[in-house]
């Protein structure tokens, strides 16, 4: 018989196992990016995303200003 209690227990146990596995994999998280040389890539991606968001907001502001003047 399938009950909500069994479903909740199944979800809890699966989340617990994923959490424990994730903690065991990252022994030294502060050295994870610097050891592999990926810190520059992460920073470049973040800067690209933020620059895109700012450019979008600026263009949106210009369009709204143009519509307000009409």
Protein backbone atom coordinates (compact mmCIF):
# COMPACT_ATOMS: atom_id res chain seq x y z
CA UNK A 1 0.00 0.00 0.00
CA UNK A 2 1.36 3.40 -1.03
CA UNK A 3 0.89 6.04 1.63
CA UNK A 4 2.01 9.62 2.09
CA UNK A 5 4.19 8.51 5.00
CA UNK A 6 6.14 6.12 2.80
CA UNK A 7 6.43 8.74 0.09
CA UNK A 8 7.74 11.31 2.57
CA UNK A 9 10.21 8.80 3.99
CA UNK A 10 11.43 7.93 0.50
CA UNK A 11 11.97 11.59 -0.39
CA UNK A 12 13.74 12.28 2.91
CA UNK A 13 16.09 9.32 2.55
CA UNK A 14 16.95 10.16 -1.06
CA UNK A 15 17.71 13.79 -0.12
CA UNK A 16 19.81 12.64 2.81
CA UNK A 17 21.91 10.36 0.64
CA UNK A 18 22.49 13.09 -1.96
CA UNK A 19 23.54 15.54 0.75
CA UNK A 20 25.98 13.11 2.28
CA UNK A 21 27.45 12.24 -1.11
CA UNK A 22 27.89 15.93 -1.95
CA UNK A 23 29.74 16.62 1.28
CA UNK A 24 32.09 13.71 0.79
CA UNK A 25 33.05 14.79 -2.74
CA UNK A 26 34.21 18.30 -1.82
CA UNK A 27 36.95 17.83 0.73
CA UNK A 28 38.53 21.27 0.21
CA UNK A 29 35.99 23.61 -1.40
CA UNK A 30 38.21 26.69 -1.10
CA UNK A 31 40.82 25.07 -3.37
CA UNK A 32 38.36 23.53 -5.81
CA UNK A 33 38.40 26.34 -8.39
CA UNK A 34 41.96 27.52 -7.93
CA UNK A 35 43.50 24.04 -8.20
CA UNK A 36 41.81 23.35 -11.53
CA UNK A 37 42.35 26.83 -12.93
CA UNK A 38 38.63 27.38 -13.37
CA UNK A 39 38.30 30.47 -11.21
CA UNK A 40 38.90 32.73 -14.20
CA UNK A 41 36.18 30.96 -16.17
CA UNK A 42 33.68 31.35 -13.35
CA UNK A 43 34.46 35.06 -13.01
CA UNK A 44 34.23 35.57 -16.77
CA UNK A 45 30.82 33.90 -16.92
CA UNK A 46 29.53 35.96 -14.00
CA UNK A 47 30.79 39.21 -15.52
CA UNK A 48 29.22 38.32 -18.87
CA UNK A 49 25.85 37.56 -17.29
CA UNK A 50 25.88 40.74 -15.20
CA UNK A 51 26.94 42.88 -18.16
CA UNK A 52 24.11 41.41 -20.23
CA UNK A 53 21.60 42.14 -17.49
CA UNK A 54 22.79 45.73 -17.13
CA UNK A 55 22.69 46.32 -20.88
CA UNK A 56 19.17 44.89 -21.02
CA UNK A 57 18.02 47.13 -18.16
CA UNK A 58 19.55 50.22 -19.80
CA UNK A 59 17.88 49.47 -23.14
CA UNK A 60 14.58 48.79 -21.36
CA UNK A 61 14.85 52.11 -19.52
CA UNK A 62 15.46 53.95 -22.78
CA UNK A 63 12.41 52.32 -24.37
CA UNK A 64 10.22 53.19 -21.38
CA UNK A 65 11.48 56.78 -21.41
CA UNK A 66 10.66 57.07 -25.12
CA UNK A 67 7.15 55.74 -24.50
CA UNK A 68 6.61 58.17 -21.60
CA UNK A 69 7.54 61.14 -23.79
CA UNK A 70 4.88 60.22 -26.39
